[in-house]
Amino acid sequence: MVSMYNASNNEVFNLNNYNTDFTSILQCIDKNYTNLSLKSLANHFHYSEAYLSTLIKKNTGFNFIVLIKKLKMASAKNYLLNTNLTIVKISEYVGYNSADHFSRTFKKYYSISPQQYRDSICILKQLK
């Protein structure tokens, strides 16, 4: 099984569910989500932005922006769980220019700040 973002089996998408052409698009998104624009992706695959946007929404159920955010948040969660990287470094690694913006986005997405999430995981690990 090939999946898009597979850390800790929290895969975002199972790539076996898509045709080969769309799988290539998803793989490109997965590889470049930290600094990818719809325009650059459309240019790479020789599609119009409108067509590619519709294709992504039709196949994933999410628009391009939401898909990118899902990948960034899943990756950030993985970093928080499995590394001691600072929040600033994690925000950079997942494609945010501002740690504050990253933290606000993470909190809005998961209803908990990145630091609170990390602290809660540390507590759970200590209880085991």
Protein backbone atom coordinates (compact mmCIF):
# COMPACT_ATOMS: atom_id res chain seq x y z
CA MET A 1 0.00 0.00 0.00
CA VAL A 2 1.35 3.40 -0.95
CA SER A 3 0.05 6.34 1.02
CA MET A 4 0.51 10.07 1.13
CA TYR A 5 2.07 11.01 4.48
CA ASN A 6 2.28 7.70 6.32
CA ALA A 7 3.97 8.58 9.63
CA SER A 8 2.59 6.51 12.48
CA ASN A 9 -0.04 5.05 10.14
CA ASN A 10 -1.88 8.37 10.17
CA GLU A 11 -1.96 8.39 6.40
CA VAL A 12 -3.72 11.31 4.77
CA PHE A 13 -4.61 9.40 1.60
CA ASN A 14 -4.15 5.86 0.35
CA LEU A 15 -2.68 6.42 -3.11
CA ASN A 16 -3.90 3.04 -4.32
CA ASN A 17 -7.40 4.53 -4.48
CA TYR A 18 -6.54 6.83 -7.40
CA ASN A 19 -5.65 6.39 -11.05
CA THR A 20 -1.98 6.61 -12.01
CA ASP A 21 -2.17 10.16 -13.38
CA PHE A 22 -3.78 11.56 -10.26
CA THR A 23 -1.46 9.52 -8.04
CA SER A 24 1.46 11.37 -9.68
CA ILE A 25 -0.15 14.67 -8.74
CA LEU A 26 -0.68 13.56 -5.13
CA GLN A 27 2.89 12.31 -4.89
CA CYS A 28 4.16 15.66 -6.15
CA ILE A 29 2.00 17.45 -3.57
CA ASP A 30 3.26 15.13 -0.83
CA LYS A 31 6.88 15.70 -1.79
CA ASN A 32 6.60 19.50 -2.12
CA TYR A 33 3.73 20.61 0.14
CA THR A 34 5.94 22.88 2.25
CA ASN A 35 6.42 25.38 -0.57
CA LEU A 36 3.95 24.44 -3.29
CA SER A 37 1.47 26.69 -5.02
CA LEU A 38 -1.47 25.62 -7.15
CA LYS A 39 0.05 27.63 -10.00
CA SER A 40 3.41 25.83 -9.88
CA LEU A 41 1.69 22.44 -9.60
CA ALA A 42 -0.58 23.22 -12.55
CA ASN A 43 2.40 24.35 -14.61
CA HIS A 44 4.33 21.21 -13.74
CA PHE A 45 1.51 18.95 -14.94
CA HIS A 46 0.48 21.21 -17.84
CA TYR A 47 -3.03 21.84 -16.52
CA SER A 48 -4.85 25.08 -15.95
CA GLU A 49 -5.16 26.06 -12.30
CA ALA A 50 -8.95 25.86 -12.52
CA TYR A 51 -8.89 22.35 -13.97
CA LEU A 52 -6.32 21.08 -11.47
CA SER A 53 -8.23 22.64 -8.59
CA THR A 54 -11.41 20.87 -9.72
CA LEU A 55 -9.52 17.60 -10.20
CA ILE A 56 -8.07 17.76 -6.68
CA LYS A 57 -11.44 18.58 -5.12
CA LYS A 58 -13.19 15.83 -7.12
CA ASN A 59 -10.67 13.15 -6.17
CA THR A 60 -9.88 14.06 -2.56
CA GLY A 61 -12.95 15.92 -1.38
CA PHE A 62 -10.72 18.82 -0.34
CA ASN A 63 -9.64 21.97 -2.11
CA PHE A 64 -5.92 22.55 -2.67
CA ILE A 65 -5.48 24.86 0.34
CA VAL A 66 -7.20 22.43 2.73
CA LEU A 67 -5.18 19.52 1.36
CA ILE A 68 -1.90 21.38 1.92
CA LYS A 69 -2.97 22.35 5.42
CA LYS A 70 -3.86 18.72 6.23
CA LEU A 71 -0.39 17.61 5.14
CA LYS A 72 1.34 20.38 7.08
CA MET A 73 -0.64 19.67 10.25
CA ALA A 74 -0.12 15.90 10.03
CA SER A 75 3.61 16.43 9.51
CA ALA A 76 3.81 18.93 12.39
CA LYS A 77 2.01 16.48 14.67
CA ASN A 78 4.53 13.80 13.72
CA TYR A 79 7.46 16.12 14.51
CA LEU A 80 5.91 17.02 17.86
CA LEU A 81 5.42 13.35 18.72
CA ASN A 82 8.76 12.03 17.55
CA THR A 83 11.37 14.77 17.87
CA ASN A 84 12.62 17.38 20.30
CA LEU A 85 12.71 20.07 17.63
CA THR A 86 11.60 23.52 18.71
CA ILE A 87 8.22 24.81 17.61
CA VAL A 88 10.07 27.38 15.50
CA LYS A 89 12.03 24.67 13.66
CA ILE A 90 8.92 22.53 13.16
CA SER A 91 7.06 25.51 11.74
CA GLU A 92 9.91 26.05 9.26
CA TYR A 93 10.10 22.37 8.32
CA VAL A 94 6.39 22.17 7.52
CA GLY A 95 6.42 25.35 5.46
CA TYR A 96 5.43 28.25 7.68
CA ASN A 97 7.40 31.51 7.65
CA SER A 98 6.13 32.47 11.09
CA ALA A 99 6.04 30.29 14.20
CA ASP A 100 3.16 32.41 15.50
CA HIS A 101 1.10 31.77 12.38
CA PHE A 102 1.95 28.07 12.57
CA SER A 103 0.90 27.91 16.23
CA ARG A 104 -2.40 29.69 15.54
CA THR A 105 -3.11 27.37 12.62
CA PHE A 106 -2.21 24.27 14.63
CA LYS A 107 -4.42 25.38 17.53
CA LYS A 108 -7.33 26.12 15.22
CA TYR A 109 -6.89 22.75 13.49
CA TYR A 110 -6.41 20.54 16.59
CA SER A 111 -7.98 22.76 19.31
CA ILE A 112 -4.72 22.67 21.25
CA SER A 113 -1.46 24.58 20.85
CA PRO A 114 1.62 22.76 19.57
CA GLN A 115 3.32 23.09 22.97
CA GLN A 116 0.25 21.85 24.84
CA TYR A 117 0.04 18.91 22.43
CA ARG A 118 3.70 18.03 23.01
CA ASP A 119 3.32 18.40 26.77
CA SER A 120 0.26 16.13 26.82
CA ILE A 121 2.13 13.48 24.83
CA CYS A 122 5.07 13.67 27.25
CA ILE A 123 2.71 13.17 30.19
CA LEU A 124 1.10 10.16 28.49
CA LYS A 125 4.51 8.64 27.78
CA GLN A 126 5.51 9.07 31.44
CA LEU A 127 2.36 7.29 32.59
CA LYS A 128 3.18 4.18 30.54
